[in-house]
Amino acid sequence: MKKKRSIKILIWIIIGIVFFILMELLWSDVILANMKEEKREDNLLPFYWLLLIVGGSIVCTLSYVSWRKYHGEKKDKQHRDNDKLID
């Protein structure tokens, strides 16, 4: 059980690192593009931050809720299996 948990944690860490690297590459392109077009009045950088914060919050919330549901269903199944053994 601990081995599966450590593998899951390792996978999530790897996903986080890959996500961080991809976001860093995207943001560096956006910053370079903005530096070239400093005279441009409509700056979309705050919009990207808003999009990242709201989207990240939604993803985190949905991930947490699905994780809790999974564990709840797993516990319910264990309780039902234990009840059947008692009968």
N, C-alpha and C. Protein backbone atom coordinates (compact mmCIF):
# COMPACT_ATOMS: atom_id res chain seq x y z
N MET A 1 0.82 -1.19 0.00
CA MET A 1 0.00 0.00 0.00
C MET A 1 0.87 1.26 0.00
N LYS A 2 1.95 1.25 0.81
CA LYS A 2 2.83 2.41 0.86
C LYS A 2 3.58 2.59 -0.46
N LYS A 3 3.87 1.47 -1.12
CA LYS A 3 4.60 1.55 -2.38
C LYS A 3 3.73 2.21 -3.45
N LYS A 4 2.43 1.87 -3.48
CA LYS A 4 1.52 2.50 -4.44
C LYS A 4 1.40 3.99 -4.16
N ARG A 5 1.33 4.33 -2.88
CA ARG A 5 1.19 5.73 -2.51
C ARG A 5 2.43 6.52 -2.93
N SER A 6 3.61 5.94 -2.69
CA SER A 6 4.83 6.66 -3.06
C SER A 6 4.96 6.79 -4.58
N ILE A 7 4.48 5.79 -5.31
CA ILE A 7 4.50 5.88 -6.77
C ILE A 7 3.56 6.98 -7.24
N LYS A 8 2.38 7.08 -6.63
CA LYS A 8 1.44 8.14 -7.00
C LYS A 8 2.02 9.51 -6.71
N ILE A 9 2.65 9.64 -5.55
CA ILE A 9 3.25 10.93 -5.18
C ILE A 9 4.36 11.28 -6.17
N LEU A 10 5.18 10.31 -6.53
CA LEU A 10 6.25 10.55 -7.50
C LEU A 10 5.69 10.98 -8.85
N ILE A 11 4.62 10.33 -9.28
CA ILE A 11 3.99 10.69 -10.56
C ILE A 11 3.47 12.12 -10.51
N TRP A 12 2.81 12.51 -9.40
CA TRP A 12 2.30 13.87 -9.27
C TRP A 12 3.44 14.89 -9.24
N ILE A 13 4.55 14.55 -8.61
CA ILE A 13 5.69 15.46 -8.60
C ILE A 13 6.25 15.64 -10.00
N ILE A 14 6.35 14.55 -10.75
CA ILE A 14 6.84 14.64 -12.13
C ILE A 14 5.89 15.48 -12.98
N ILE A 15 4.58 15.26 -12.82
CA ILE A 15 3.60 16.06 -13.57
C ILE A 15 3.74 17.54 -13.21
N GLY A 16 3.93 17.83 -11.94
CA GLY A 16 4.11 19.22 -11.51
C GLY A 16 5.34 19.85 -12.12
N ILE A 17 6.44 19.11 -12.16
CA ILE A 17 7.68 19.65 -12.74
C ILE A 17 7.50 19.91 -14.23
N VAL A 18 6.89 18.97 -14.94
CA VAL A 18 6.65 19.15 -16.38
C VAL A 18 5.74 20.35 -16.62
N PHE A 19 4.68 20.47 -15.80
CA PHE A 19 3.77 21.60 -15.94
C PHE A 19 4.50 22.92 -15.68
N PHE A 20 5.35 22.95 -14.67
CA PHE A 20 6.11 24.15 -14.36
C PHE A 20 7.02 24.54 -15.52
N ILE A 21 7.70 23.57 -16.09
CA ILE A 21 8.61 23.85 -17.20
C ILE A 21 7.83 24.38 -18.40
N LEU A 22 6.70 23.74 -18.71
CA LEU A 22 5.89 24.21 -19.84
C LEU A 22 5.38 25.63 -19.61
N MET A 23 4.90 25.91 -18.40
CA MET A 23 4.40 27.25 -18.11
C MET A 23 5.53 28.27 -18.17
N GLU A 24 6.71 27.89 -17.70
CA GLU A 24 7.86 28.80 -17.76
C GLU A 24 8.22 29.13 -19.22
N LEU A 25 8.18 28.13 -20.07
CA LEU A 25 8.46 28.37 -21.49
C LEU A 25 7.41 29.28 -22.11
N LEU A 26 6.14 29.04 -21.78
CA LEU A 26 5.07 29.87 -22.33
C LEU A 26 5.19 31.31 -21.83
N TRP A 27 5.44 31.47 -20.51
CA TRP A 27 5.52 32.82 -19.96
C TRP A 27 6.73 33.56 -20.50
N SER A 28 7.83 32.86 -20.73
CA SER A 28 9.00 33.56 -21.27
C SER A 28 8.71 34.07 -22.68
N ASP A 29 7.96 33.30 -23.47
CA ASP A 29 7.56 33.77 -24.80
C ASP A 29 6.64 34.98 -24.70
N VAL A 30 5.72 34.95 -23.76
CA VAL A 30 4.79 36.07 -23.59
C VAL A 30 5.54 37.32 -23.15
N ILE A 31 6.46 37.16 -22.23
CA ILE A 31 7.23 38.31 -21.74
C ILE A 31 8.10 38.88 -22.84
N LEU A 32 8.74 38.01 -23.63
CA LEU A 32 9.56 38.50 -24.74
C LEU A 32 8.72 39.22 -25.78
N ALA A 33 7.53 38.70 -26.05
CA ALA A 33 6.65 39.35 -27.02
C ALA A 33 6.20 40.71 -26.49
N ASN A 34 5.94 40.79 -25.19
CA ASN A 34 5.52 42.07 -24.62
C ASN A 34 6.66 43.07 -24.60
N MET A 35 7.88 42.60 -24.41
CA MET A 35 9.01 43.52 -24.42
C MET A 35 9.23 44.11 -25.82
N LYS A 36 8.96 43.33 -26.84
CA LYS A 36 9.12 43.81 -28.21
C LYS A 36 8.02 44.80 -28.58
N GLU A 37 6.84 44.61 -27.98
CA GLU A 37 5.70 45.46 -28.32
C GLU A 37 5.32 46.33 -27.11
N GLU A 38 6.27 47.03 -26.54
CA GLU A 38 5.99 47.85 -25.37
C GLU A 38 5.05 49.00 -25.70
N LYS A 39 5.04 49.45 -26.91
CA LYS A 39 4.21 50.58 -27.29
C LYS A 39 2.73 50.19 -27.43
N ARG A 40 2.48 48.91 -27.50
CA ARG A 40 1.11 48.44 -27.66
C ARG A 40 0.32 48.71 -26.39
N GLU A 41 -0.87 49.28 -26.52
CA GLU A 41 -1.65 49.69 -25.36
C GLU A 41 -2.42 48.53 -24.71
N ASP A 42 -2.90 47.59 -25.48
CA ASP A 42 -3.71 46.51 -24.91
C ASP A 42 -2.80 45.37 -24.45
N ASN A 43 -2.51 45.38 -23.17
CA ASN A 43 -1.63 44.38 -22.57
C ASN A 43 -2.49 43.23 -22.04
N LEU A 44 -2.23 42.01 -22.49
CA LEU A 44 -3.03 40.86 -22.09
C LEU A 44 -2.43 40.08 -20.94
N LEU A 45 -1.33 40.53 -20.38
CA LEU A 45 -0.69 39.80 -19.30
C LEU A 45 -1.61 39.64 -18.08
N PRO A 46 -2.34 40.67 -17.62
CA PRO A 46 -3.26 40.45 -16.50
C PRO A 46 -4.36 39.43 -16.83
N PHE A 47 -4.77 39.39 -18.07
CA PHE A 47 -5.78 38.41 -18.48
C PHE A 47 -5.23 36.99 -18.35
N TYR A 48 -3.98 36.79 -18.74
CA TYR A 48 -3.37 35.47 -18.61
C TYR A 48 -3.25 35.06 -17.15
N TRP A 49 -2.89 36.00 -16.28
CA TRP A 49 -2.81 35.70 -14.85
C TRP A 49 -4.18 35.31 -14.31
N LEU A 50 -5.21 36.06 -14.70
CA LEU A 50 -6.56 35.75 -14.26
C LEU A 50 -6.98 34.37 -14.75
N LEU A 51 -6.69 34.09 -16.00
CA LEU A 51 -7.02 32.79 -16.58
C LEU A 51 -6.31 31.66 -15.85
N LEU A 52 -5.05 31.85 -15.54
CA LEU A 52 -4.27 30.84 -14.84
C LEU A 52 -4.80 30.62 -13.42
N ILE A 53 -5.12 31.68 -12.71
CA ILE A 53 -5.61 31.55 -11.34
C ILE A 53 -6.98 30.88 -11.30
N VAL A 54 -7.90 31.35 -12.13
CA VAL A 54 -9.25 30.77 -12.13
C VAL A 54 -9.22 29.33 -12.63
N GLY A 55 -8.52 29.08 -13.72
CA GLY A 55 -8.43 27.72 -14.25
C GLY A 55 -7.75 26.78 -13.28
N GLY A 56 -6.69 27.24 -12.64
CA GLY A 56 -6.00 26.42 -11.66
C GLY A 56 -6.87 26.10 -10.46
N SER A 57 -7.64 27.08 -10.01
CA SER A 57 -8.55 26.85 -8.89
C SER A 57 -9.61 25.81 -9.25
N ILE A 58 -10.15 25.91 -10.44
CA ILE A 58 -11.17 24.96 -10.87
C ILE A 58 -10.58 23.56 -10.96
N VAL A 59 -9.40 23.44 -11.56
CA VAL A 59 -8.76 22.13 -11.69
C VAL A 59 -8.46 21.53 -10.32
N CYS A 60 -7.93 22.34 -9.42
CA CYS A 60 -7.62 21.84 -8.07
C CYS A 60 -8.88 21.40 -7.34
N THR A 61 -9.94 22.18 -7.45
CA THR A 61 -11.19 21.83 -6.77
C THR A 61 -11.78 20.54 -7.33
N LEU A 62 -11.82 20.41 -8.63
CA LEU A 62 -12.37 19.20 -9.23
C LEU A 62 -11.52 17.98 -8.91
N SER A 63 -10.21 18.14 -8.87
CA SER A 63 -9.33 17.03 -8.52
C SER A 63 -9.57 16.59 -7.08
N TYR A 64 -9.69 17.55 -6.17
CA TYR A 64 -9.91 17.23 -4.77
C TYR A 64 -11.26 16.53 -4.57
N VAL A 65 -12.29 17.04 -5.22
CA VAL A 65 -13.62 16.44 -5.06
C VAL A 65 -13.65 15.02 -5.62
N SER A 66 -13.03 14.81 -6.76
CA SER A 66 -13.02 13.46 -7.33
C SER A 66 -12.18 12.51 -6.47
N TRP A 67 -11.11 13.01 -5.87
CA TRP A 67 -10.29 12.19 -4.99
C TRP A 67 -11.08 11.79 -3.74
N ARG A 68 -11.81 12.75 -3.17
CA ARG A 68 -12.64 12.44 -1.98
C ARG A 68 -13.75 11.45 -2.33
N LYS A 69 -14.36 11.61 -3.49
CA LYS A 69 -15.42 10.69 -3.90
C LYS A 69 -14.85 9.29 -4.08
N TYR A 70 -13.69 9.18 -4.69
CA TYR A 70 -13.06 7.89 -4.91
C TYR A 70 -12.80 7.19 -3.57
N HIS A 71 -12.23 7.93 -2.62
CA HIS A 71 -11.94 7.32 -1.33
C HIS A 71 -13.21 6.99 -0.56
N GLY A 72 -14.25 7.81 -0.69
CA GLY A 72 -15.52 7.52 -0.04
C GLY A 72 -16.16 6.26 -0.59
N GLU A 73 -16.15 6.11 -1.90
CA GLU A 73 -16.70 4.90 -2.51
C GLU A 73 -15.88 3.67 -2.14
N LYS A 74 -14.59 3.85 -2.03
CA LYS A 74 -13.72 2.74 -1.64
C LYS A 74 -14.03 2.28 -0.21
N LYS A 75 -14.24 3.23 0.70
CA LYS A 75 -14.58 2.89 2.08
C LYS A 75 -15.96 2.25 2.16
N ASP A 76 -16.92 2.76 1.39
CA ASP A 76 -18.26 2.16 1.37
C ASP A 76 -18.21 0.71 0.90
N LYS A 77 -17.41 0.46 -0.12
CA LYS A 77 -17.28 -0.91 -0.62
C LYS A 77 -16.66 -1.81 0.43
N GLN A 78 -15.66 -1.32 1.15
CA GLN A 78 -15.04 -2.11 2.21
C GLN A 78 -16.05 -2.41 3.32
N HIS A 79 -16.87 -1.42 3.67
CA HIS A 79 -17.88 -1.64 4.71
C HIS A 79 -18.92 -2.66 4.25
N ARG A 80 -19.33 -2.57 2.99
CA ARG A 80 -20.31 -3.54 2.47
C ARG A 80 -19.71 -4.93 2.43
N ASP A 81 -18.45 -5.05 2.04
CA ASP A 81 -17.80 -6.34 2.02
C ASP A 81 -17.66 -6.92 3.44
N ASN A 82 -17.35 -6.07 4.40
CA ASN A 82 -17.24 -6.51 5.79
C ASN A 82 -18.60 -6.95 6.32
N ASP A 83 -19.68 -6.25 5.95
CA ASP A 83 -21.01 -6.62 6.40
C ASP A 83 -21.43 -7.96 5.83
N LYS A 84 -21.05 -8.24 4.60
CA LYS A 84 -21.39 -9.52 3.99
C LYS A 84 -20.65 -10.66 4.68
N LEU A 85 -19.43 -10.40 5.13
CA LEU A 85 -18.67 -11.44 5.83
C LEU A 85 -19.27 -11.76 7.18
N ILE A 86 -19.85 -10.77 7.83
CA ILE A 86 -20.46 -10.96 9.15
C ILE A 86 -21.72 -11.82 9.02
N ASP A 87 -22.52 -11.59 7.99
CA ASP A 87 -23.77 -12.36 7.80
C ASP A 87 -23.42 -13.76 7.50
